[in-house]
Amino acid sequence: MHFMLLRHRPAQDDEPSDSETTYPDPKIIAPHCDPHCMTWSASFGIPKSDYETEGDSWSIFVEEVDRFRPASYRDEPRYEARNDTNFVDFGPRFAARLSLDNLAVK
C-alpha cells in the first residue's frame, strides 16, 4: 500500500491556478494480519496551524500495488531466484482518494 497526504491550496494572487502538494512522507505501520483479513495504516504528523489554514483542503490518496520480482535482471541468467529479495511494485490495482474536509481536530 502507498499512502500520500495531499494539501490543496486555492489560487493566490500571483499563482496561475490551484495547486496541490504532497505532504512529507508518512510513517507506514507494518500490516496487521489475522486469519480473516489484513489491514494497513499510516500516520502523518502535521502541525495544527498547517492543517487549519483557511481555504486549504486535505485528502489522503491510497494505492494498492502488487509486488513481484522484476521482469528482467542485469545479471541474467539468475540462479537461485527463489531466494531473491529483489521485488518491484507494479500497479496500482486499486486507488482511492479520501477527503479529510470533515475531520475533527483535537
PDB file of N, CA and C in Angstrom:
ATOM      1  N   MET A   1       0.846  -1.169   0.000  1.00  0.00           N
ATOM      2  CA  MET A   1       0.000   0.000   0.000  1.00  0.00           C
ATOM      3  C   MET A   1       0.894   1.235   0.000  1.00  0.00           C
ATOM      4  N   HIS A   2       0.508   2.222  -0.785  1.00  0.00           N
ATOM      5  CA  HIS A   2       1.187   3.510  -0.814  1.00  0.00           C
ATOM      6  C   HIS A   2       0.204   4.562  -0.302  1.00  0.00           C
ATOM      7  N   PHE A   3       0.660   5.408   0.612  1.00  0.00           N
ATOM      8  CA  PHE A   3      -0.170   6.448   1.196  1.00  0.00           C
ATOM      9  C   PHE A   3       0.427   7.816   0.887  1.00  0.00           C
ATOM     10  N   MET A   4      -0.420   8.774   0.514  1.00  0.00           N
ATOM     11  CA  MET A   4       0.020  10.148   0.305  1.00  0.00           C
ATOM     12  C   MET A   4      -0.996  11.085   0.942  1.00  0.00           C
ATOM     13  N   LEU A   5      -0.501  12.085   1.647  1.00  0.00           N
ATOM     14  CA  LEU A   5      -1.350  13.127   2.186  1.00  0.00           C
ATOM     15  C   LEU A   5      -1.246  14.320   1.251  1.00  0.00           C
ATOM     16  N   LEU A   6      -2.373  14.774   0.727  1.00  0.00           N
ATOM     17  CA  LEU A   6      -2.392  15.856  -0.254  1.00  0.00           C
ATOM     18  C   LEU A   6      -3.016  17.109   0.346  1.00  0.00           C
ATOM     19  N   ARG A   7      -2.375  18.230   0.073  1.00  0.00           N
ATOM     20  CA  ARG A   7      -2.880  19.523   0.524  1.00  0.00           C
ATOM     21  C   ARG A   7      -3.224  20.351  -0.703  1.00  0.00           C
ATOM     22  N   HIS A   8      -4.478  20.734  -0.823  1.00  0.00           N
ATOM     23  CA  HIS A   8      -4.937  21.537  -1.955  1.00  0.00           C
ATOM     24  C   HIS A   8      -5.100  22.973  -1.478  1.00  0.00           C
ATOM     25  N   ARG A   9      -4.410  23.885  -2.149  1.00  0.00           N
ATOM     26  CA  ARG A   9      -4.484  25.305  -1.801  1.00  0.00           C
ATOM     27  C   ARG A   9      -5.165  26.051  -2.929  1.00  0.00           C
ATOM     28  N   PRO A  10      -6.107  26.919  -2.598  1.00  0.00           N
ATOM     29  CA  PRO A  10      -6.739  27.716  -3.650  1.00  0.00           C
ATOM     30  C   PRO A  10      -5.728  28.682  -4.261  1.00  0.00           C
ATOM     31  N   ALA A  11      -6.014  29.135  -5.454  1.00  0.00           N
ATOM     32  CA  ALA A  11      -5.112  30.045  -6.164  1.00  0.00           C
ATOM     33  C   ALA A  11      -4.913  31.326  -5.361  1.00  0.00           C
ATOM     34  N   GLN A  12      -3.659  31.752  -5.271  1.00  0.00           N
ATOM     35  CA  GLN A  12      -3.310  33.017  -4.633  1.00  0.00           C
ATOM     36  C   GLN A  12      -3.210  34.083  -5.718  1.00  0.00           C
ATOM     37  N   ASP A  13      -2.989  35.320  -5.344  1.00  0.00           N
ATOM     38  CA  ASP A  13      -2.944  36.431  -6.299  1.00  0.00           C
ATOM     39  C   ASP A  13      -1.922  36.224  -7.410  1.00  0.00           C
ATOM     40  N   ASP A  14      -0.732  35.709  -7.076  1.00  0.00           N
ATOM     41  CA  ASP A  14       0.335  35.588  -8.069  1.00  0.00           C
ATOM     42  C   ASP A  14       0.450  34.194  -8.680  1.00  0.00           C
ATOM     43  N   GLU A  15      -0.454  33.268  -8.332  1.00  0.00           N
ATOM     44  CA  GLU A  15      -0.410  31.917  -8.870  1.00  0.00           C
ATOM     45  C   GLU A  15      -1.415  31.784 -10.011  1.00  0.00           C
ATOM     46  N   PRO A  16      -1.035  31.048 -11.074  1.00  0.00           N
ATOM     47  CA  PRO A  16      -1.950  30.903 -12.208  1.00  0.00           C
ATOM     48  C   PRO A  16      -3.175  30.037 -11.927  1.00  0.00           C
ATOM     49  N   SER A  17      -3.042  29.032 -11.058  1.00  0.00           N
ATOM     50  CA  SER A  17      -4.182  28.150 -10.792  1.00  0.00           C
ATOM     51  C   SER A  17      -4.024  27.505  -9.426  1.00  0.00           C
ATOM     52  N   ASP A  18      -5.019  26.713  -9.053  1.00  0.00           N
ATOM     53  CA  ASP A  18      -4.944  25.986  -7.778  1.00  0.00           C
ATOM     54  C   ASP A  18      -3.724  25.083  -7.775  1.00  0.00           C
ATOM     55  N   SER A  19      -3.199  24.811  -6.583  1.00  0.00           N
ATOM     56  CA  SER A  19      -2.052  23.907  -6.503  1.00  0.00           C
ATOM     57  C   SER A  19      -2.325  22.820  -5.471  1.00  0.00           C
ATOM     58  N   GLU A  20      -1.714  21.695  -5.696  1.00  0.00           N
ATOM     59  CA  GLU A  20      -1.844  20.575  -4.766  1.00  0.00           C
ATOM     60  C   GLU A  20      -0.451  20.031  -4.507  1.00  0.00           C
ATOM     61  N   THR A  21      -0.109  19.844  -3.250  1.00  0.00           N
ATOM     62  CA  THR A  21       1.217  19.348  -2.895  1.00  0.00           C
ATOM     63  C   THR A  21       1.081  18.107  -2.036  1.00  0.00           C
ATOM     64  N   THR A  22       2.116  17.308  -2.076  1.00  0.00           N
ATOM     65  CA  THR A  22       2.184  16.114  -1.242  1.00  0.00           C
ATOM     66  C   THR A  22       2.890  16.481   0.043  1.00  0.00           C
ATOM     67  N   TYR A  23       2.274  16.192   1.150  1.00  0.00           N
ATOM     68  CA  TYR A  23       2.875  16.478   2.441  1.00  0.00           C
ATOM     69  C   TYR A  23       3.974  15.447   2.697  1.00  0.00           C
ATOM     70  N   PRO A  24       4.885  15.712   3.624  1.00  0.00           N
ATOM     71  CA  PRO A  24       6.008  14.792   3.869  1.00  0.00           C
ATOM     72  C   PRO A  24       5.574  13.336   4.033  1.00  0.00           C
ATOM     73  N   ASP A  25       6.508  12.455   3.773  1.00  0.00           N
ATOM     74  CA  ASP A  25       6.250  11.013   3.786  1.00  0.00           C
ATOM     75  C   ASP A  25       5.623  10.557   5.100  1.00  0.00           C
ATOM     76  N   PRO A  26       4.695   9.618   4.995  1.00  0.00           N
ATOM     77  CA  PRO A  26       4.034   9.118   6.204  1.00  0.00           C
ATOM     78  C   PRO A  26       4.905   8.094   6.926  1.00  0.00           C
ATOM     79  N   LYS A  27       4.537   7.840   8.150  1.00  0.00           N
ATOM     80  CA  LYS A  27       5.114   6.737   8.904  1.00  0.00           C
ATOM     81  C   LYS A  27       4.221   5.530   8.610  1.00  0.00           C
ATOM     82  N   ILE A  28       4.749   4.565   7.864  1.00  0.00           N
ATOM     83  CA  ILE A  28       3.966   3.382   7.490  1.00  0.00           C
ATOM     84  C   ILE A  28       4.099   2.340   8.594  1.00  0.00           C
ATOM     85  N   ILE A  29       2.979   1.868   9.040  1.00  0.00           N
ATOM     86  CA  ILE A  29       2.968   0.853  10.080  1.00  0.00           C
ATOM     87  C   ILE A  29       2.814  -0.504   9.405  1.00  0.00           C
ATOM     88  N   ALA A  30       3.595  -1.484   9.845  1.00  0.00           N
ATOM     89  CA  ALA A  30       3.575  -2.814   9.227  1.00  0.00           C
ATOM     90  C   ALA A  30       2.151  -3.360   9.210  1.00  0.00           C
ATOM     91  N   PRO A  31       1.799  -4.113   8.144  1.00  0.00           N
ATOM     92  CA  PRO A  31       0.438  -4.658   8.065  1.00  0.00           C
ATOM     93  C   PRO A  31       0.128  -5.559   9.253  1.00  0.00           C
ATOM     94  N   HIS A  32      -1.108  -5.510   9.668  1.00  0.00           N
ATOM     95  CA  HIS A  32      -1.597  -6.371  10.741  1.00  0.00           C
ATOM     96  C   HIS A  32      -2.354  -7.519  10.088  1.00  0.00           C
ATOM     97  N   CYS A  33      -2.001  -8.724  10.446  1.00  0.00           N
ATOM     98  CA  CYS A  33      -2.638  -9.899   9.834  1.00  0.00           C
ATOM     99  C   CYS A  33      -3.391 -10.699  10.889  1.00  0.00           C
ATOM    100  N   ASP A  34      -4.515 -11.207  10.504  1.00  0.00           N
ATOM    101  CA  ASP A  34      -5.210 -12.207  11.300  1.00  0.00           C
ATOM    102  C   ASP A  34      -5.787 -13.219  10.314  1.00  0.00           C
ATOM    103  N   PRO A  35      -6.415 -14.274  10.767  1.00  0.00           N
ATOM    104  CA  PRO A  35      -6.865 -15.318   9.836  1.00  0.00           C
ATOM    105  C   PRO A  35      -7.860 -14.852   8.770  1.00  0.00           C
ATOM    106  N   HIS A  36      -8.558 -13.725   8.993  1.00  0.00           N
ATOM    107  CA  HIS A  36      -9.622 -13.327   8.078  1.00  0.00           C
ATOM    108  C   HIS A  36      -9.325 -12.089   7.246  1.00  0.00           C
ATOM    109  N   CYS A  37      -8.343 -11.289   7.631  1.00  0.00           N
ATOM    110  CA  CYS A  37      -8.090 -10.067   6.873  1.00  0.00           C
ATOM    111  C   CYS A  37      -6.697  -9.517   7.169  1.00  0.00           C
ATOM    112  N   MET A  38      -6.317  -8.525   6.400  1.00  0.00           N
ATOM    113  CA  MET A  38      -5.059  -7.831   6.610  1.00  0.00           C
ATOM    114  C   MET A  38      -5.357  -6.339   6.569  1.00  0.00           C
ATOM    115  N   THR A  39      -4.782  -5.575   7.477  1.00  0.00           N
ATOM    116  CA  THR A  39      -5.006  -4.133   7.497  1.00  0.00           C
ATOM    117  C   THR A  39      -3.679  -3.389   7.479  1.00  0.00           C
ATOM    118  N   TRP A  40      -3.669  -2.240   6.813  1.00  0.00           N
ATOM    119  CA  TRP A  40      -2.521  -1.361   6.758  1.00  0.00           C
ATOM    120  C   TRP A  40      -2.921  -0.041   7.390  1.00  0.00           C
ATOM    121  N   SER A  41      -1.953   0.663   7.922  1.00  0.00           N
ATOM    122  CA  SER A  41      -2.239   2.003   8.410  1.00  0.00           C
ATOM    123  C   SER A  41      -1.002   2.882   8.248  1.00  0.00           C
ATOM    124  N   ALA A  42      -1.248   4.169   8.247  1.00  0.00           N
ATOM    125  CA  ALA A  42      -0.169   5.144   8.127  1.00  0.00           C
ATOM    126  C   ALA A  42      -0.523   6.325   9.014  1.00  0.00           C
ATOM    127  N   SER A  43       0.492   6.999   9.515  1.00  0.00           N
ATOM    128  CA  SER A  43       0.226   8.200  10.300  1.00  0.00           C
ATOM    129  C   SER A  43       1.059   9.352   9.749  1.00  0.00           C
ATOM    130  N   PHE A  44       0.481  10.534   9.814  1.00  0.00           N
ATOM    131  CA  PHE A  44       1.120  11.750   9.339  1.00  0.00           C
ATOM    132  C   PHE A  44       1.181  12.731  10.499  1.00  0.00           C
ATOM    133  N   GLY A  45       2.324  13.359  10.694  1.00  0.00           N
ATOM    134  CA  GLY A  45       2.446  14.394  11.711  1.00  0.00           C
ATOM    135  C   GLY A  45       2.338  15.760  11.047  1.00  0.00           C
ATOM    136  N   ILE A  46       1.280  16.496  11.351  1.00  0.00           N
ATOM    137  CA  ILE A  46       1.044  17.805  10.750  1.00  0.00           C
ATOM    138  C   ILE A  46       0.815  18.808  11.871  1.00  0.00           C
ATOM    139  N   PRO A  47       1.520  19.925  11.848  1.00  0.00           N
ATOM    140  CA  PRO A  47       1.205  20.958  12.841  1.00  0.00           C
ATOM    141  C   PRO A  47      -0.247  21.429  12.674  1.00  0.00           C
ATOM    142  N   LYS A  48      -0.925  21.619  13.789  1.00  0.00           N
ATOM    143  CA  LYS A  48      -2.328  22.031  13.756  1.00  0.00           C
ATOM    144  C   LYS A  48      -2.501  23.327  12.965  1.00  0.00           C
ATOM    145  N   SER A  49      -1.537  24.229  13.068  1.00  0.00           N
ATOM    146  CA  SER A  49      -1.629  25.500  12.337  1.00  0.00           C
ATOM    147  C   SER A  49      -1.614  25.285  10.823  1.00  0.00           C
ATOM    148  N   ASP A  50      -0.858  24.297  10.336  1.00  0.00           N
ATOM    149  CA  ASP A  50      -0.858  23.980   8.903  1.00  0.00           C
ATOM    150  C   ASP A  50      -2.203  23.404   8.479  1.00  0.00           C
ATOM    151  N   TYR A  51      -2.722  22.489   9.298  1.00  0.00           N
ATOM    152  CA  TYR A  51      -3.972  21.811   8.940  1.00  0.00           C
ATOM    153  C   TYR A  51      -5.153  22.773   8.926  1.00  0.00           C
ATOM    154  N   GLU A  52      -5.135  23.763   9.792  1.00  0.00           N
ATOM    155  CA  GLU A  52      -6.272  24.665   9.909  1.00  0.00           C
ATOM    156  C   GLU A  52      -6.134  25.931   9.075  1.00  0.00           C
ATOM    157  N   THR A  53      -5.244  25.950   8.095  1.00  0.00           N
ATOM    158  CA  THR A  53      -5.101  27.121   7.230  1.00  0.00           C
ATOM    159  C   THR A  53      -6.395  27.338   6.448  1.00  0.00           C
ATOM    160  N   GLU A  54      -6.905  28.545   6.502  1.00  0.00           N
ATOM    161  CA  GLU A  54      -8.176  28.888   5.847  1.00  0.00           C
ATOM    162  C   GLU A  54      -8.114  28.610   4.346  1.00  0.00           C
ATOM    163  N   GLY A  55      -9.110  27.916   3.828  1.00  0.00           N
ATOM    164  CA  GLY A  55      -9.214  27.671   2.395  1.00  0.00           C
ATOM    165  C   GLY A  55      -8.539  26.402   1.902  1.00  0.00           C
ATOM    166  N   ASP A  56      -7.616  25.849   2.693  1.00  0.00           N
ATOM    167  CA  ASP A  56      -6.941  24.614   2.271  1.00  0.00           C
ATOM    168  C   ASP A  56      -7.875  23.428   2.450  1.00  0.00           C
ATOM    169  N   SER A  57      -7.698  22.442   1.605  1.00  0.00           N
ATOM    170  CA  SER A  57      -8.450  21.207   1.749  1.00  0.00           C
ATOM    171  C   SER A  57      -7.453  20.055   1.704  1.00  0.00           C
ATOM    172  N   TRP A  58      -7.691  19.055   2.513  1.00  0.00           N
ATOM    173  CA  TRP A  58      -6.769  17.935   2.676  1.00  0.00           C
ATOM    174  C   TRP A  58      -7.451  16.637   2.256  1.00  0.00           C
ATOM    175  N   SER A  59      -6.658  15.697   1.730  1.00  0.00           N
ATOM    176  CA  SER A  59      -7.167  14.375   1.396  1.00  0.00           C
ATOM    177  C   SER A  59      -6.023  13.366   1.490  1.00  0.00           C
ATOM    178  N   ILE A  60      -6.392  12.120   1.596  1.00  0.00           N
ATOM    179  CA  ILE A  60      -5.419  11.027   1.592  1.00  0.00           C
ATOM    180  C   ILE A  60      -5.653  10.226   0.322  1.00  0.00           C
ATOM    181  N   PHE A  61      -4.572   9.945  -0.382  1.00  0.00           N
ATOM    182  CA  PHE A  61      -4.625   9.138  -1.595  1.00  0.00           C
ATOM    183  C   PHE A  61      -3.929   7.823  -1.284  1.00  0.00           C
ATOM    184  N   VAL A  62      -4.631   6.716  -1.495  1.00  0.00           N
ATOM    185  CA  VAL A  62      -4.111   5.384  -1.178  1.00  0.00           C
ATOM    186  C   VAL A  62      -4.117   4.541  -2.440  1.00  0.00           C
ATOM    187  N   GLU A  63      -2.998   3.862  -2.684  1.00  0.00           N
ATOM    188  CA  GLU A  63      -2.904   2.945  -3.825  1.00  0.00           C
ATOM    189  C   GLU A  63      -2.501   1.562  -3.336  1.00  0.00           C
ATOM    190  N   GLU A  64      -3.205   0.569  -3.838  1.00  0.00           N
ATOM    191  CA  GLU A  64      -2.821  -0.817  -3.603  1.00  0.00           C
ATOM    192  C   GLU A  64      -2.012  -1.267  -4.812  1.00  0.00           C
ATOM    193  N   VAL A  65      -0.828  -1.811  -4.568  1.00  0.00           N
ATOM    194  CA  VAL A  65       0.029  -2.275  -5.655  1.00  0.00           C
ATOM    195  C   VAL A  65       0.386  -3.740  -5.436  1.00  0.00           C
ATOM    196  N   ASP A  66       0.782  -4.385  -6.516  1.00  0.00           N
ATOM    197  CA  ASP A  66       1.306  -5.743  -6.423  1.00  0.00           C
ATOM    198  C   ASP A  66       2.816  -5.665  -6.371  1.00  0.00           C
ATOM    199  N   ARG A  67       3.427  -6.566  -5.644  1.00  0.00           N
ATOM    200  CA  ARG A  67       4.884  -6.622  -5.549  1.00  0.00           C
ATOM    201  C   ARG A  67       5.346  -7.954  -6.142  1.00  0.00           C
ATOM    202  N   PHE A  68       6.116  -7.846  -7.228  1.00  0.00           N
ATOM    203  CA  PHE A  68       6.637  -9.019  -7.927  1.00  0.00           C
ATOM    204  C   PHE A  68       8.143  -8.899  -8.103  1.00  0.00           C
ATOM    205  N   ARG A  69       8.727 -10.004  -8.526  1.00  0.00           N
ATOM    206  CA  ARG A  69      10.123  -9.935  -8.945  1.00  0.00           C
ATOM    207  C   ARG A  69      10.172  -9.177 -10.275  1.00  0.00           C
ATOM    208  N   PRO A  70      11.274  -8.477 -10.566  1.00  0.00           N
ATOM    209  CA  PRO A  70      11.362  -7.736 -11.830  1.00  0.00           C
ATOM    210  C   PRO A  70      11.262  -8.662 -13.041  1.00  0.00           C
ATOM    211  N   ALA A  71      10.844  -8.097 -14.167  1.00  0.00           N
ATOM    212  CA  ALA A  71      10.726  -8.876 -15.402  1.00  0.00           C
ATOM    213  C   ALA A  71      12.096  -9.268 -15.949  1.00  0.00           C
ATOM    214  N   SER A  72      13.105  -8.478 -15.664  1.00  0.00           N
ATOM    215  CA  SER A  72      14.460  -8.814 -16.118  1.00  0.00           C
ATOM    216  C   SER A  72      15.476  -8.322 -15.088  1.00  0.00           C
ATOM    217  N   TYR A  73      16.649  -8.931 -15.119  1.00  0.00           N
ATOM    218  CA  TYR A  73      17.738  -8.587 -14.211  1.00  0.00           C
ATOM    219  C   TYR A  73      18.976  -8.237 -15.025  1.00  0.00           C
ATOM    220  N   ARG A  74      19.881  -7.456 -14.428  1.00  0.00           N
ATOM    221  CA  ARG A  74      21.140  -7.139 -15.105  1.00  0.00           C
ATOM    222  C   ARG A  74      22.052  -8.347 -15.214  1.00  0.00           C
ATOM    223  N   ASP A  75      21.945  -9.265 -14.286  1.00  0.00           N
ATOM    224  CA  ASP A  75      22.866 -10.410 -14.236  1.00  0.00           C
ATOM    225  C   ASP A  75      22.185 -11.728 -14.626  1.00  0.00           C
ATOM    226  N   GLU A  76      21.428 -11.701 -15.726  1.00  0.00           N
ATOM    227  CA  GLU A  76      20.769 -12.927 -16.183  1.00  0.00           C
ATOM    228  C   GLU A  76      21.760 -13.832 -16.892  1.00  0.00           C
ATOM    229  N   PRO A  77      21.587 -15.128 -16.846  1.00  0.00           N
ATOM    230  CA  PRO A  77      20.528 -15.858 -16.144  1.00  0.00           C
ATOM    231  C   PRO A  77      20.736 -15.783 -14.635  1.00  0.00           C
ATOM    232  N   ARG A  78      19.648 -15.667 -13.938  1.00  0.00           N
ATOM    233  CA  ARG A  78      19.690 -15.504 -12.480  1.00  0.00           C
ATOM    234  C   ARG A  78      19.483 -16.865 -11.832  1.00  0.00           C
ATOM    235  N   TYR A  79      20.467 -17.287 -11.068  1.00  0.00           N
ATOM    236  CA  TYR A  79      20.392 -18.575 -10.375  1.00  0.00           C
ATOM    237  C   TYR A  79      19.908 -18.341  -8.950  1.00  0.00           C
ATOM    238  N   GLU A  80      19.242 -19.304  -8.400  1.00  0.00           N
ATOM    239  CA  GLU A  80      18.705 -19.215  -7.042  1.00  0.00           C
ATOM    240  C   GLU A  80      17.709 -18.061  -6.889  1.00  0.00           C
ATOM    241  N   ALA A  81      16.895 -17.837  -7.915  1.00  0.00           N
ATOM    242  CA  ALA A  81      15.925 -16.746  -7.887  1.00  0.00           C
ATOM    243  C   ALA A  81      14.903 -16.910  -6.762  1.00  0.00           C
ATOM    244  N   ARG A  82      14.659 -18.117  -6.353  1.00  0.00           N
ATOM    245  CA  ARG A  82      13.666 -18.310  -5.284  1.00  0.00           C
ATOM    246  C   ARG A  82      14.124 -17.716  -3.951  1.00  0.00           C
ATOM    247  N   ASN A  83      15.440 -17.489  -3.799  1.00  0.00           N
ATOM    248  CA  ASN A  83      15.966 -16.866  -2.585  1.00  0.00           C
ATOM    249  C   ASN A  83      16.138 -15.356  -2.741  1.00  0.00           C
ATOM    250  N   ASP A  84      15.738 -14.835  -3.883  1.00  0.00           N
ATOM    251  CA  ASP A  84      15.935 -13.424  -4.192  1.00  0.00           C
ATOM    252  C   ASP A  84      15.020 -12.548  -3.342  1.00  0.00           C
ATOM    253  N   THR A  85      15.535 -11.410  -2.908  1.00  0.00           N
ATOM    254  CA  THR A  85      14.729 -10.460  -2.145  1.00  0.00           C
ATOM    255  C   THR A  85      14.478  -9.176  -2.944  1.00  0.00           C
ATOM    256  N   ASN A  86      14.780  -9.207  -4.222  1.00  0.00           N
ATOM    257  CA  ASN A  86      14.606  -8.044  -5.084  1.00  0.00           C
ATOM    258  C   ASN A  86      13.188  -8.059  -5.657  1.00  0.00           C
ATOM    259  N   PHE A  87      12.334  -7.138  -5.188  1.00  0.00           N
ATOM    260  CA  PHE A  87      10.958  -7.054  -5.656  1.00  0.00           C
ATOM    261  C   PHE A  87      10.671  -5.642  -6.149  1.00  0.00           C
ATOM    262  N   VAL A  88       9.705  -5.526  -7.059  1.00  0.00           N
ATOM    263  CA  VAL A  88       9.328  -4.247  -7.651  1.00  0.00           C
ATOM    264  C   VAL A  88       7.818  -4.090  -7.516  1.00  0.00           C
ATOM    265  N   ASP A  89       7.372  -2.858  -7.226  1.00  0.00           N
ATOM    266  CA  ASP A  89       5.937  -2.585  -7.146  1.00  0.00           C
ATOM    267  C   ASP A  89       5.366  -2.363  -8.536  1.00  0.00           C
ATOM    268  N   PHE A  90       4.236  -3.020  -8.823  1.00  0.00           N
ATOM    269  CA  PHE A  90       3.513  -2.859 -10.078  1.00  0.00           C
ATOM    270  C   PHE A  90       2.093  -2.411  -9.745  1.00  0.00           C
ATOM    271  N   GLY A  91       1.527  -1.614 -10.584  1.00  0.00           N
ATOM    272  CA  GLY A  91       0.144  -1.239 -10.347  1.00  0.00           C
ATOM    273  C   GLY A  91      -0.071   0.228 -10.604  1.00  0.00           C
ATOM    274  N   PRO A  92      -1.054   0.812 -10.046  1.00  0.00           N
ATOM    275  CA  PRO A  92      -1.849   0.311  -8.932  1.00  0.00           C
ATOM    276  C   PRO A  92      -2.975  -0.613  -9.386  1.00  0.00           C
ATOM    277  N   ARG A  93      -3.355  -1.498  -8.469  1.00  0.00           N
ATOM    278  CA  ARG A  93      -4.515  -2.353  -8.694  1.00  0.00           C
ATOM    279  C   ARG A  93      -5.787  -1.624  -8.309  1.00  0.00           C
ATOM    280  N   PHE A  94      -5.678  -0.817  -7.265  1.00  0.00           N
ATOM    281  CA  PHE A  94      -6.835  -0.074  -6.753  1.00  0.00           C
ATOM    282  C   PHE A  94      -6.326   1.242  -6.177  1.00  0.00           C
ATOM    283  N   ALA A  95      -7.073   2.312  -6.358  1.00  0.00           N
ATOM    284  CA  ALA A  95      -6.708   3.612  -5.799  1.00  0.00           C
ATOM    285  C   ALA A  95      -7.960   4.295  -5.266  1.00  0.00           C
ATOM    286  N   ALA A  96      -7.792   5.031  -4.172  1.00  0.00           N
ATOM    287  CA  ALA A  96      -8.917   5.770  -3.589  1.00  0.00           C
ATOM    288  C   ALA A  96      -8.409   7.081  -3.013  1.00  0.00           C
ATOM    289  N   ARG A  97      -9.230   8.095  -3.149  1.00  0.00           N
ATOM    290  CA  ARG A  97      -8.933   9.413  -2.570  1.00  0.00           C
ATOM    291  C   ARG A  97      -9.989   9.689  -1.510  1.00  0.00           C
ATOM    292  N   LEU A  98      -9.534   9.947  -0.292  1.00  0.00           N
ATOM    293  CA  LEU A  98     -10.431  10.142   0.842  1.00  0.00           C
ATOM    294  C   LEU A  98     -10.313  11.577   1.335  1.00  0.00           C
ATOM    295  N   SER A  99     -11.406  12.315   1.276  1.00  0.00           N
ATOM    296  CA  SER A  99     -11.410  13.707   1.717  1.00  0.00           C
ATOM    297  C   SER A  99     -11.339  13.774   3.243  1.00  0.00           C
ATOM    298  N   LEU A 100     -10.580  14.740   3.735  1.00  0.00           N
ATOM    299  CA  LEU A 100     -10.488  14.966   5.183  1.00  0.00           C
ATOM    300  C   LEU A 100     -11.188  16.273   5.570  1.00  0.00           C
ATOM    301  N   ASP A 101     -12.026  16.794   4.700  1.00  0.00           N
ATOM    302  CA  ASP A 101     -12.669  18.093   4.943  1.00  0.00           C
ATOM    303  C   ASP A 101     -13.514  18.122   6.209  1.00  0.00           C
ATOM    304  N   ASN A 102     -14.079  16.991   6.596  1.00  0.00           N
ATOM    305  CA  ASN A 102     -14.942  16.953   7.789  1.00  0.00           C
ATOM    306  C   ASN A 102     -14.268  16.321   8.992  1.00  0.00           C
ATOM    307  N   LEU A 103     -12.943  16.241   8.953  1.00  0.00           N
ATOM    308  CA  LEU A 103     -12.190  15.637  10.055  1.00  0.00           C
ATOM    309  C   LEU A 103     -12.106  16.608  11.232  1.00  0.00           C
ATOM    310  N   ALA A 104     -12.437  16.134  12.408  1.00  0.00           N
ATOM    311  CA  ALA A 104     -12.344  16.959  13.612  1.00  0.00           C
ATOM    312  C   ALA A 104     -10.930  16.892  14.158  1.00  0.00           C
ATOM    313  N   VAL A 105     -10.362  18.040  14.495  1.00  0.00           N
ATOM    314  CA  VAL A 105      -9.003  18.108  15.023  1.00  0.00           C
ATOM    315  C   VAL A 105      -9.072  18.461  16.491  1.00  0.00           C
ATOM    316  N   LYS A 106      -8.335  17.704  17.303  1.00  0.00           N
ATOM    317  CA  LYS A 106      -8.332  17.948  18.753  1.00  0.00           C
ATOM    318  C   LYS A 106      -6.981  18.439  19.193  1.00  0.00           C
TER     319      LYS A 106
END
